[in-house]
Amino acid sequence: ERFAGELAVLAGADGPTVVDLSAVGFIDSSGVRELLLANRRAAEVGATLVLRAPSPACRRVLEISGVLGEFTLEEMSEG
C-alpha cells in the first residue's frame, strides 16, 4: 500500500517522475500493476514516469510480463 500511495503522489507531479529500481531485488505482479497504474496516471496529466536502471531481477519480471516497453527507461551511465 505504501508503494502504491507514493507512486500515486509522484505520478501526479509536474515533469518527469523517476523511480529508481536499481536496488530492487524482487518485484511481483502487484508491484508491476502499481507501476503500470502510475505510468497511466502520469500520462493522463501529461507527465512521464521514468524507471531508472531496473535491476536484472526487476527487468526480467517486467520483460516476462510483457510490459517493459510500456515504460520510459533511464539506464545508469558508468563513470
Protein backbone atom coordinates (compact mmCIF):
# COMPACT_ATOMS: atom_id res chain seq x y z
CA GLU A 1 0.00 0.00 0.00
CA ARG A 2 2.77 2.42 0.83
CA PHE A 3 4.42 1.84 -2.57
CA ALA A 4 1.11 2.48 -4.33
CA GLY A 5 0.50 5.63 -2.31
CA GLU A 6 3.93 7.04 -3.04
CA LEU A 7 3.60 6.30 -6.74
CA ALA A 8 0.17 7.94 -6.85
CA VAL A 9 1.58 11.16 -5.41
CA LEU A 10 4.65 11.13 -7.65
CA ALA A 11 2.78 10.30 -10.85
CA GLY A 12 0.62 13.38 -10.41
CA ALA A 13 3.60 15.73 -10.14
CA ASP A 14 4.70 18.12 -12.86
CA GLY A 15 7.54 16.97 -15.06
CA PRO A 16 9.14 13.55 -15.13
CA THR A 17 8.89 11.27 -12.13
CA VAL A 18 11.89 9.00 -11.70
CA VAL A 19 11.55 5.69 -9.86
CA ASP A 20 14.97 4.22 -9.10
CA LEU A 21 14.72 0.44 -9.42
CA SER A 22 18.46 -0.25 -9.34
CA ALA A 23 18.36 -1.86 -5.88
CA VAL A 24 15.07 -3.74 -6.29
CA GLY A 25 15.79 -7.41 -5.61
CA PHE A 26 12.21 -8.62 -6.03
CA ILE A 27 9.05 -7.35 -7.67
CA ASP A 28 5.84 -9.30 -8.08
CA SER A 29 2.69 -8.83 -10.11
CA SER A 30 1.24 -6.34 -7.62
CA GLY A 31 4.35 -4.17 -7.92
CA VAL A 32 4.19 -4.36 -11.70
CA ARG A 33 0.50 -3.42 -11.56
CA GLU A 34 1.25 -0.36 -9.42
CA LEU A 35 3.98 0.76 -11.80
CA LEU A 36 1.57 0.41 -14.72
CA LEU A 37 -1.13 2.39 -12.88
CA ALA A 38 1.35 5.13 -12.01
CA ASN A 39 2.54 5.22 -15.60
CA ARG A 40 -1.06 5.63 -16.78
CA ARG A 41 -1.75 8.37 -14.20
CA ALA A 42 1.35 10.24 -15.25
CA ALA A 43 0.37 10.05 -18.92
CA GLU A 44 -3.13 11.34 -18.10
CA VAL A 45 -1.67 14.55 -16.69
CA GLY A 46 0.95 14.93 -19.41
CA ALA A 47 3.85 13.77 -17.24
CA THR A 48 6.33 10.93 -17.69
CA LEU A 49 7.15 8.10 -15.33
CA VAL A 50 10.77 7.06 -15.77
CA LEU A 51 12.16 3.78 -14.45
CA ARG A 52 15.80 4.31 -13.55
CA ALA A 53 18.19 1.40 -14.01
CA PRO A 54 15.89 -1.54 -13.25
CA SER A 55 17.89 -4.27 -11.52
CA PRO A 56 18.33 -7.51 -13.50
CA ALA A 57 15.64 -9.21 -11.38
CA CYS A 58 13.22 -6.33 -11.87
CA ARG A 59 13.93 -6.04 -15.58
CA ARG A 60 13.36 -9.77 -16.03
CA VAL A 61 9.92 -9.65 -14.37
CA LEU A 62 8.94 -6.63 -16.49
CA GLU A 63 10.14 -8.43 -19.64
CA ILE A 64 8.38 -11.70 -18.80
CA SER A 65 5.22 -9.74 -18.00
CA GLY A 66 5.43 -8.16 -21.44
CA VAL A 67 5.27 -4.61 -20.08
CA LEU A 68 8.87 -3.38 -20.21
CA GLY A 69 8.11 -1.49 -23.43
CA GLU A 70 5.33 0.43 -21.68
CA PHE A 71 7.87 2.41 -19.67
CA THR A 72 10.44 5.09 -20.30
CA LEU A 73 13.78 3.71 -19.07
CA GLU A 74 16.83 5.59 -17.87
CA GLU A 75 19.95 3.49 -17.69
CA MET A 76 22.73 4.37 -15.26
CA SER A 77 25.81 5.61 -17.02
CA GLU A 78 29.12 4.26 -15.86
CA GLY A 79 31.77 6.64 -14.74
